[in-house]
C-alpha atoms as a PDB file:
ATOM      1  CA  UNK A   1      -4.509  13.171 -15.360  1.00  0.00           C
ATOM      2  CA  UNK A   2      -1.849  15.223 -16.042  1.00  0.00           C
ATOM      3  CA  UNK A   3       1.456  15.523 -13.059  1.00  0.00           C
ATOM      4  CA  UNK A   4       1.106  19.068 -11.545  1.00  0.00           C
ATOM      5  CA  UNK A   5       3.476  20.771  -9.660  1.00  0.00           C
ATOM      6  CA  UNK A   6       2.321  22.966  -7.074  1.00  0.00           C
ATOM      7  CA  UNK A   7       3.639  24.348  -3.435  1.00  0.00           C
ATOM      8  CA  UNK A   8       1.336  22.502  -0.526  1.00  0.00           C
ATOM      9  CA  UNK A   9       0.997  23.270   3.004  1.00  0.00           C
ATOM     10  CA  UNK A  10       2.600  20.876   6.314  1.00  0.00           C
ATOM     11  CA  UNK A  11      -0.423  21.037   8.068  1.00  0.00           C
ATOM     12  CA  UNK A  12       0.808  18.106  10.296  1.00  0.00           C
ATOM     13  CA  UNK A  13       3.524  15.618  11.085  1.00  0.00           C
ATOM     14  CA  UNK A  14       3.175  12.439  13.181  1.00  0.00           C
ATOM     15  CA  UNK A  15       4.870   9.819  14.587  1.00  0.00           C
ATOM     16  CA  UNK A  16       3.130   6.096  14.378  1.00  0.00           C
ATOM     17  CA  UNK A  17       6.613   4.344  14.720  1.00  0.00           C
ATOM     18  CA  UNK A  18       9.978   5.134  15.688  1.00  0.00           C
ATOM     19  CA  UNK A  19      10.692   4.528  12.103  1.00  0.00           C
ATOM     20  CA  UNK A  20       7.255   5.689  10.419  1.00  0.00           C
ATOM     21  CA  UNK A  21       5.538   9.095  10.382  1.00  0.00           C
ATOM     22  CA  UNK A  22       2.401  10.439   8.891  1.00  0.00           C
ATOM     23  CA  UNK A  23       2.163  13.695   7.451  1.00  0.00           C
ATOM     24  CA  UNK A  24      -1.023  15.739   5.591  1.00  0.00           C
ATOM     25  CA  UNK A  25      -0.809  18.080   3.166  1.00  0.00           C
ATOM     26  CA  UNK A  26      -2.722  20.708   1.892  1.00  0.00           C
ATOM     27  CA  UNK A  27      -3.488  22.620  -1.184  1.00  0.00           C
ATOM     28  CA  UNK A  28      -5.904  23.722  -4.015  1.00  0.00           C
ATOM     29  CA  UNK A  29      -8.693  21.340  -4.136  1.00  0.00           C
ATOM     30  CA  UNK A  30      -8.140  20.911  -7.887  1.00  0.00           C
ATOM     31  CA  UNK A  31      -4.500  20.496  -7.824  1.00  0.00           C
ATOM     32  CA  UNK A  32      -4.268  17.934  -5.359  1.00  0.00           C
ATOM     33  CA  UNK A  33      -6.961  15.508  -7.016  1.00  0.00           C
ATOM     34  CA  UNK A  34      -5.770  11.954  -7.965  1.00  0.00           C
ATOM     35  CA  UNK A  35      -7.074   8.588  -8.611  1.00  0.00           C
ATOM     36  CA  UNK A  36      -6.995   5.929  -5.339  1.00  0.00           C
ATOM     37  CA  UNK A  37      -3.544   4.326  -5.482  1.00  0.00           C
ATOM     38  CA  UNK A  38      -1.523   7.330  -7.571  1.00  0.00           C
ATOM     39  CA  UNK A  39       1.647   8.817  -5.827  1.00  0.00           C
ATOM     40  CA  UNK A  40       2.950  12.500  -5.628  1.00  0.00           C
ATOM     41  CA  UNK A  41       6.679  13.299  -5.471  1.00  0.00           C
ATOM     42  CA  UNK A  42       8.148  15.991  -3.242  1.00  0.00           C
ATOM     43  CA  UNK A  43      11.059  18.317  -4.394  1.00  0.00           C
ATOM     44  CA  UNK A  44      14.406  17.884  -2.130  1.00  0.00           C
ATOM     45  CA  UNK A  45      16.323  20.582  -4.533  1.00  0.00           C
ATOM     46  CA  UNK A  46      15.945  21.203  -8.118  1.00  0.00           C
ATOM     47  CA  UNK A  47      17.429  17.618  -8.628  1.00  0.00           C
ATOM     48  CA  UNK A  48      15.700  15.296  -6.731  1.00  0.00           C
ATOM     49  CA  UNK A  49      12.175  13.836  -6.191  1.00  0.00           C
ATOM     50  CA  UNK A  50      11.047  11.431  -4.177  1.00  0.00           C
ATOM     51  CA  UNK A  51       8.358   9.361  -4.376  1.00  0.00           C
ATOM     52  CA  UNK A  52       5.345   8.321  -1.779  1.00  0.00           C
ATOM     53  CA  UNK A  53       2.102   6.616  -2.086  1.00  0.00           C
ATOM     54  CA  UNK A  54      -0.589   8.962  -1.313  1.00  0.00           C
ATOM     55  CA  UNK A  55      -2.126   7.359   1.584  1.00  0.00           C
ATOM     56  CA  UNK A  56      -5.771   8.780   1.252  1.00  0.00           C
ATOM     57  CA  UNK A  57      -8.910   8.540  -0.999  1.00  0.00           C
ATOM     58  CA  UNK A  58      -9.272  11.841  -2.811  1.00  0.00           C
ATOM     59  CA  UNK A  59     -11.735  14.020  -1.057  1.00  0.00           C
ATOM     60  CA  UNK A  60     -12.300  16.948  -2.649  1.00  0.00           C
ATOM     61  CA  UNK A  61     -10.913  19.398   0.173  1.00  0.00           C
ATOM     62  CA  UNK A  62      -7.145  19.353  -0.973  1.00  0.00           C
ATOM     63  CA  UNK A  63      -5.732  17.545   1.643  1.00  0.00           C
ATOM     64  CA  UNK A  64      -4.019  13.931   1.379  1.00  0.00           C
ATOM     65  CA  UNK A  65      -1.797  12.156   3.871  1.00  0.00           C
ATOM     66  CA  UNK A  66       1.703  10.200   3.209  1.00  0.00           C
ATOM     67  CA  UNK A  67       3.501   7.834   5.421  1.00  0.00           C
ATOM     68  CA  UNK A  68       7.317   7.956   5.503  1.00  0.00           C
ATOM     69  CA  UNK A  69       9.654   5.347   6.621  1.00  0.00           C
ATOM     70  CA  UNK A  70      12.471   6.848   8.044  1.00  0.00           C
ATOM     71  CA  UNK A  71      15.889   5.471   7.399  1.00  0.00           C
ATOM     72  CA  UNK A  72      18.305   7.470   9.182  1.00  0.00           C
ATOM     73  CA  UNK A  73      21.618   6.472   7.520  1.00  0.00           C
ATOM     74  CA  UNK A  74      20.161   7.245   4.167  1.00  0.00           C
ATOM     75  CA  UNK A  75      21.141  10.926   3.471  1.00  0.00           C
ATOM     76  CA  UNK A  76      17.519  11.312   1.390  1.00  0.00           C
ATOM     77  CA  UNK A  77      15.567  10.437   4.209  1.00  0.00           C
ATOM     78  CA  UNK A  78      17.322  12.478   6.961  1.00  0.00           C
ATOM     79  CA  UNK A  79      17.325  15.465   4.196  1.00  0.00           C
ATOM     80  CA  UNK A  80      13.429  14.590   3.863  1.00  0.00           C
ATOM     81  CA  UNK A  81      12.372  14.122   7.512  1.00  0.00           C
ATOM     82  CA  UNK A  82      14.195  17.973   8.370  1.00  0.00           C
ATOM     83  CA  UNK A  83      12.370  19.448   5.739  1.00  0.00           C
ATOM     84  CA  UNK A  84       9.388  18.224   6.278  1.00  0.00           C
ATOM     85  CA  UNK A  85       9.803  18.984  10.169  1.00  0.00           C
ATOM     86  CA  UNK A  86      11.009  22.450   9.388  1.00  0.00           C
ATOM     87  CA  UNK A  87       9.126  23.522   6.484  1.00  0.00           C
ATOM     88  CA  UNK A  88       5.694  25.062   6.368  1.00  0.00           C
ATOM     89  CA  UNK A  89       4.902  24.311   2.570  1.00  0.00           C
ATOM     90  CA  UNK A  90       6.803  21.657   0.238  1.00  0.00           C
ATOM     91  CA  UNK A  91       6.609  21.785  -3.351  1.00  0.00           C
ATOM     92  CA  UNK A  92       5.031  18.446  -4.425  1.00  0.00           C
ATOM     93  CA  UNK A  93       4.112  16.821  -8.469  1.00  0.00           C
ATOM     94  CA  UNK A  94       1.142  14.904  -8.881  1.00  0.00           C
ATOM     95  CA  UNK A  95      -0.320  12.880  -9.357  1.00  0.00           C
ATOM     96  CA  UNK A  96       1.785   9.730 -10.817  1.00  0.00           C
ATOM     97  CA  UNK A  97       1.240   5.734 -11.461  1.00  0.00           C
ATOM     98  CA  UNK A  98      -1.167   3.376 -12.730  1.00  0.00           C
ATOM     99  CA  UNK A  99      -1.549   1.366 -10.280  1.00  0.00           C
ATOM    100  CA  UNK A 100      -4.712   2.626  -9.188  1.00  0.00           C
ATOM    101  CA  UNK A 101      -8.553   1.022  -8.216  1.00  0.00           C
ATOM    102  CA  UNK A 102     -10.443  -0.142 -11.374  1.00  0.00           C
ATOM    103  CA  UNK A 103     -13.692   1.461 -10.219  1.00  0.00           C
ATOM    104  CA  UNK A 104     -15.588  -0.384 -12.998  1.00  0.00           C
ATOM    105  CA  UNK A 105     -15.031  -4.104 -11.455  1.00  0.00           C
ATOM    106  CA  UNK A 106     -17.299  -5.831  -9.564  1.00  0.00           C
ATOM    107  CA  UNK A 107     -14.523  -8.260  -8.596  1.00  0.00           C
ATOM    108  CA  UNK A 108     -13.492  -9.109  -5.214  1.00  0.00           C
ATOM    109  CA  UNK A 109     -10.299  -6.911  -4.459  1.00  0.00           C
ATOM    110  CA  UNK A 110      -7.010  -8.856  -3.310  1.00  0.00           C
ATOM    111  CA  UNK A 111      -4.346  -6.110  -1.782  1.00  0.00           C
ATOM    112  CA  UNK A 112      -0.941  -7.323  -0.595  1.00  0.00           C
ATOM    113  CA  UNK A 113       1.400  -5.028   0.630  1.00  0.00           C
ATOM    114  CA  UNK A 114       4.562  -4.810   2.934  1.00  0.00           C
ATOM    115  CA  UNK A 115       5.760  -2.104   5.089  1.00  0.00           C
ATOM    116  CA  UNK A 116       4.557   1.420   3.949  1.00  0.00           C
ATOM    117  CA  UNK A 117       3.265  -0.179   1.156  1.00  0.00           C
ATOM    118  CA  UNK A 118       0.027  -0.134   3.165  1.00  0.00           C
ATOM    119  CA  UNK A 119      -0.352   3.213   2.281  1.00  0.00           C
ATOM    120  CA  UNK A 120      -1.347   2.921  -1.337  1.00  0.00           C
ATOM    121  CA  UNK A 121      -3.692   0.099  -0.025  1.00  0.00           C
ATOM    122  CA  UNK A 122      -5.550   2.166   2.271  1.00  0.00           C
ATOM    123  CA  UNK A 123      -6.678   4.719  -0.335  1.00  0.00           C
ATOM    124  CA  UNK A 124      -7.774   1.988  -2.541  1.00  0.00           C
ATOM    125  CA  UNK A 125      -9.592   0.715   0.685  1.00  0.00           C
ATOM    126  CA  UNK A 126     -11.321   3.914   1.261  1.00  0.00           C
ATOM    127  CA  UNK A 127     -11.953   4.666  -1.819  1.00  0.00           C
ATOM    128  CA  UNK A 128     -13.596   0.911  -2.555  1.00  0.00           C
ATOM    129  CA  UNK A 129     -15.465   1.138   0.443  1.00  0.00           C
ATOM    130  CA  UNK A 130     -17.343   4.490  -0.269  1.00  0.00           C
ATOM    131  CA  UNK A 131     -17.859   3.937  -4.027  1.00  0.00           C
ATOM    132  CA  UNK A 132     -18.873  -0.032  -3.368  1.00  0.00           C
ATOM    133  CA  UNK A 133     -19.116  -0.855   0.243  1.00  0.00           C
ATOM    134  CA  UNK A 134     -20.112  -4.334  -0.992  1.00  0.00           C
ATOM    135  CA  UNK A 135     -17.427  -5.048  -2.776  1.00  0.00           C
ATOM    136  CA  UNK A 136     -15.042  -8.123  -0.746  1.00  0.00           C
ATOM    137  CA  UNK A 137     -11.948  -7.066   0.687  1.00  0.00           C
ATOM    138  CA  UNK A 138      -9.132  -9.131   1.602  1.00  0.00           C
ATOM    139  CA  UNK A 139      -6.101  -7.148   2.499  1.00  0.00           C
ATOM    140  CA  UNK A 140      -2.921  -8.817   3.416  1.00  0.00           C
ATOM    141  CA  UNK A 141       0.002  -6.434   5.332  1.00  0.00           C
ATOM    142  CA  UNK A 142       2.662  -8.299   6.216  1.00  0.00           C
ATOM    143  CA  UNK A 143       5.957  -6.818   8.572  1.00  0.00           C
ATOM    144  CA  UNK A 144       9.017  -8.447  10.162  1.00  0.00           C
ATOM    145  CA  UNK A 145       7.387  -7.927  13.574  1.00  0.00           C
ATOM    146  CA  UNK A 146       3.789  -7.091  14.407  1.00  0.00           C
ATOM    147  CA  UNK A 147       5.154  -3.346  15.945  1.00  0.00           C
ATOM    148  CA  UNK A 148       5.986  -2.372  12.660  1.00  0.00           C
ATOM    149  CA  UNK A 149       2.136  -2.472  11.791  1.00  0.00           C
ATOM    150  CA  UNK A 150       2.193   1.164  12.589  1.00  0.00           C
ATOM    151  CA  UNK A 151      -1.574   1.360  11.898  1.00  0.00           C
ATOM    152  CA  UNK A 152      -2.590  -1.593  12.495  1.00  0.00           C
ATOM    153  CA  UNK A 153      -6.005  -0.447  14.290  1.00  0.00           C
ATOM    154  CA  UNK A 154      -7.113   0.952  11.084  1.00  0.00           C
ATOM    155  CA  UNK A 155      -7.687  -2.570   8.846  1.00  0.00           C
ATOM    156  CA  UNK A 156      -8.988  -4.098  12.451  1.00  0.00           C
ATOM    157  CA  UNK A 157     -11.822  -1.395  12.537  1.00  0.00           C
ATOM    158  CA  UNK A 158     -12.327  -2.131   8.726  1.00  0.00           C
ATOM    159  CA  UNK A 159     -13.055  -5.770   9.388  1.00  0.00           C
ATOM    160  CA  UNK A 160     -14.730  -5.307  12.712  1.00  0.00           C
ATOM    161  CA  UNK A 161     -17.703  -2.541  11.168  1.00  0.00           C
ATOM    162  CA  UNK A 162     -17.661  -4.259   6.831  1.00  0.00           C
ATOM    163  CA  UNK A 163     -18.548  -7.871   6.537  1.00  0.00           C
ATOM    164  CA  UNK A 164     -17.059  -7.178   3.126  1.00  0.00           C
ATOM    165  CA  UNK A 165     -13.525  -6.993   4.472  1.00  0.00           C
ATOM    166  CA  UNK A 166     -11.196  -9.290   5.757  1.00  0.00           C
ATOM    167  CA  UNK A 167      -7.623  -8.492   7.133  1.00  0.00           C
ATOM    168  CA  UNK A 168      -4.617 -11.135   7.498  1.00  0.00           C
ATOM    169  CA  UNK A 169      -1.453  -9.924   9.753  1.00  0.00           C
ATOM    170  CA  UNK A 170       1.709 -11.317   8.109  1.00  0.00           C
ATOM    171  CA  UNK A 171       4.815 -11.475  10.231  1.00  0.00           C
ATOM    172  CA  UNK A 172       7.913 -13.632  10.332  1.00  0.00           C
ATOM    173  CA  UNK A 173       8.601 -13.425  14.254  1.00  0.00           C
ATOM    174  CA  UNK A 174       5.713 -15.098  16.391  1.00  0.00           C
ATOM    175  CA  UNK A 175       3.033 -11.911  17.323  1.00  0.00           C
ATOM    176  CA  UNK A 176       2.437 -11.027  20.829  1.00  0.00           C
ATOM    177  CA  UNK A 177      -0.296 -11.079  21.633  1.00  0.00           C
ATOM    178  CA  UNK A 178      -1.521 -13.613  19.335  1.00  0.00           C
ATOM    179  CA  UNK A 179      -3.823 -12.140  16.294  1.00  0.00           C
ATOM    180  CA  UNK A 180      -7.492 -12.437  16.809  1.00  0.00           C
ATOM    181  CA  UNK A 181     -10.670 -10.614  15.865  1.00  0.00           C
ATOM    182  CA  UNK A 182     -13.478 -10.471  13.496  1.00  0.00           C
ATOM    183  CA  UNK A 183     -12.558 -11.173  10.236  1.00  0.00           C
ATOM    184  CA  UNK A 184      -8.604 -11.020  10.945  1.00  0.00           C
ATOM    185  CA  UNK A 185      -6.339 -13.745  10.816  1.00  0.00           C
ATOM    186  CA  UNK A 186      -2.409 -14.240  11.622  1.00  0.00           C
ATOM    187  CA  UNK A 187       0.308 -15.563   9.896  1.00  0.00           C
ATOM    188  CA  UNK A 188       3.484 -16.554  10.348  1.00  0.00           C
ATOM    189  CA  UNK A 189       6.098 -16.491   7.395  1.00  0.00           C
ATOM    190  CA  UNK A 190       7.201 -14.653   4.812  1.00  0.00           C
ATOM    191  CA  UNK A 191       4.188 -12.677   2.738  1.00  0.00           C
ATOM    192  CA  UNK A 192       4.726 -15.069  -0.233  1.00  0.00           C
ATOM    193  CA  UNK A 193       4.484 -18.443   2.092  1.00  0.00           C
ATOM    194  CA  UNK A 194       1.257 -17.158   4.118  1.00  0.00           C
ATOM    195  CA  UNK A 195      -0.130 -16.658   0.575  1.00  0.00           C
ATOM    196  CA  UNK A 196       0.560 -20.348  -0.802  1.00  0.00           C
ATOM    197  CA  UNK A 197      -0.630 -21.815   2.770  1.00  0.00           C
ATOM    198  CA  UNK A 198      -3.442 -19.511   2.932  1.00  0.00           C
ATOM    199  CA  UNK A 199      -4.876 -19.169  -0.307  1.00  0.00           C
ATOM    200  CA  UNK A 200      -6.403 -21.561  -2.828  1.00  0.00           C
ATOM    201  CA  UNK A 201      -8.133 -19.795  -6.429  1.00  0.00           C
ATOM    202  CA  UNK A 202      -7.289 -15.695  -7.255  1.00  0.00           C
ATOM    203  CA  UNK A 203      -8.490 -16.279 -10.845  1.00  0.00           C
ATOM    204  CA  UNK A 204     -11.825 -14.129  -9.752  1.00  0.00           C
ATOM    205  CA  UNK A 205      -9.888 -11.045  -8.248  1.00  0.00           C
ATOM    206  CA  UNK A 206      -8.484  -7.411  -9.117  1.00  0.00           C
ATOM    207  CA  UNK A 207      -4.880  -7.879  -7.046  1.00  0.00           C
ATOM    208  CA  UNK A 208      -3.158  -5.294  -5.979  1.00  0.00           C
ATOM    209  CA  UNK A 209       0.733  -5.070  -4.867  1.00  0.00           C
ATOM    210  CA  UNK A 210       2.805  -3.142  -2.930  1.00  0.00           C
ATOM    211  CA  UNK A 211       6.266  -3.593  -1.599  1.00  0.00           C
ATOM    212  CA  UNK A 212       9.863  -3.925  -3.118  1.00  0.00           C
ATOM    213  CA  UNK A 213      10.372  -5.904  -6.428  1.00  0.00           C
ATOM    214  CA  UNK A 214      11.865  -8.893  -5.012  1.00  0.00           C
ATOM    215  CA  UNK A 215       8.511  -8.911  -2.504  1.00  0.00           C
ATOM    216  CA  UNK A 216       6.180  -8.288  -5.142  1.00  0.00           C
ATOM    217  CA  UNK A 217       7.666 -10.902  -8.057  1.00  0.00           C
ATOM    218  CA  UNK A 218       7.855 -13.522  -5.486  1.00  0.00           C
ATOM    219  CA  UNK A 219       3.752 -13.224  -4.419  1.00  0.00           C
ATOM    220  CA  UNK A 220       2.881 -13.020  -8.229  1.00  0.00           C
ATOM    221  CA  UNK A 221       5.094 -16.325  -8.766  1.00  0.00           C
ATOM    222  CA  UNK A 222       3.077 -17.983  -6.101  1.00  0.00           C
ATOM    223  CA  UNK A 223      -0.446 -16.266  -7.248  1.00  0.00           C
ATOM    224  CA  UNK A 224       0.359 -17.668 -10.756  1.00  0.00           C
ATOM    225  CA  UNK A 225      -0.057 -21.103  -9.440  1.00  0.00           C
ATOM    226  CA  UNK A 226      -3.370 -20.285  -7.901  1.00  0.00           C
ATOM    227  CA  UNK A 227      -5.071 -19.208 -11.282  1.00  0.00           C
ATOM    228  CA  UNK A 228      -3.879 -15.484 -11.234  1.00  0.00           C
ATOM    229  CA  UNK A 229      -5.306 -13.566 -14.455  1.00  0.00           C
ATOM    230  CA  UNK A 230      -2.311 -11.329 -15.907  1.00  0.00           C
ATOM    231  CA  UNK A 231      -4.623  -8.431 -17.030  1.00  0.00           C
ATOM    232  CA  UNK A 232      -6.276  -8.409 -13.234  1.00  0.00           C
ATOM    233  CA  UNK A 233      -3.076  -7.663 -11.531  1.00  0.00           C
ATOM    234  CA  UNK A 234      -1.520  -4.186 -10.905  1.00  0.00           C
ATOM    235  CA  UNK A 235       1.740  -2.949  -9.086  1.00  0.00           C
ATOM    236  CA  UNK A 236       3.968   0.076  -9.694  1.00  0.00           C
ATOM    237  CA  UNK A 237       6.871  -2.521  -9.391  1.00  0.00           C
ATOM    238  CA  UNK A 238       6.063  -3.493 -12.766  1.00  0.00           C
ATOM    239  CA  UNK A 239       6.104   0.123 -14.519  1.00  0.00           C
ATOM    240  CA  UNK A 240       9.783   1.172 -12.599  1.00  0.00           C
ATOM    241  CA  UNK A 241      11.408  -2.778 -12.139  1.00  0.00           C
ATOM    242  CA  UNK A 242       9.679  -4.838 -15.144  1.00  0.00           C
ATOM    243  CA  UNK A 243      10.446  -8.782 -16.192  1.00  0.00           C
ATOM    244  CA  UNK A 244       9.236 -10.493 -18.616  1.00  0.00           C
ATOM    245  CA  UNK A 245       7.133 -11.919 -18.494  1.00  0.00           C
ATOM    246  CA  UNK A 246       5.473 -10.229 -15.769  1.00  0.00           C
ATOM    247  CA  UNK A 247       3.353 -12.979 -14.470  1.00  0.00           C
ATOM    248  CA  UNK A 248       4.744 -16.362 -15.654  1.00  0.00           C
ATOM    249  CA  UNK A 249       2.631 -18.537 -17.118  1.00  0.00           C
ATOM    250  CA  UNK A 250       3.703 -21.289 -14.525  1.00  0.00           C
ATOM    251  CA  UNK A 251       3.816 -20.142 -11.069  1.00  0.00           C
ATOM    252  CA  UNK A 252       6.039 -21.608  -8.519  1.00  0.00           C
ATOM    253  CA  UNK A 253       4.040 -22.377  -5.019  1.00  0.00           C
ATOM    254  CA  UNK A 254       5.999 -22.204  -1.973  1.00  0.00           C
ATOM    255  CA  UNK A 255       3.778 -23.317   1.019  1.00  0.00           C
ATOM    256  CA  UNK A 256       6.927 -23.582   3.111  1.00  0.00           C
ATOM    257  CA  UNK A 257       6.085 -23.116   6.666  1.00  0.00           C
ATOM    258  CA  UNK A 258       3.842 -20.139   6.953  1.00  0.00           C
ATOM    259  CA  UNK A 259       1.280 -20.338   9.314  1.00  0.00           C
END
């Protein structure tokens, strides 16, 4: 899709945690069209555009949602928070990004996110469950603490309602209370360590990753040891922070202390 610039109405702003808020936008249906996994950019001023993953699959009704991490100490973050709260309309440019769900594939999905990287995975899960509800989905969501999983109830609901979905909670500190649930599993440690300890063979999966470059490449290095197919791994990081090679021919298996 060719990116478009348009004015969107802010229909709702909701604090999900003290640090993360959800924004709902509405615009012309045809102009808001996007593929699951793509992002948009919001204009702060004539020189500044800030990208955010679109946290909802295209519904055809002109609505979408964003999950925004608020960093009070960062000037752009504070400006954006103020702008969204007081503005009735925002200028957006969309869609962007090539890390999109391949709806023609029947391979199981392995989705790996840290923090608000969950937004991108949420759109992919919603689209996949709508288009092919039997397609297996394994979602790994990492955060420093359990409370940082700002919408944990939603992937829990997916796992409880769909036999094809498994949800993995990854936290660096021991979760309180312990993680339990149907097709839900908890892990402690860094996300790359958790993947090394919890996975065996990923050669048959389509893999999507969303997070910082350091987090994404640490996970890719581990997955390369588990048979990762270089042509079937997708991340926006590959476009804005590329390395050579993106996927090593021999990965590094970090078994570490994840559990």
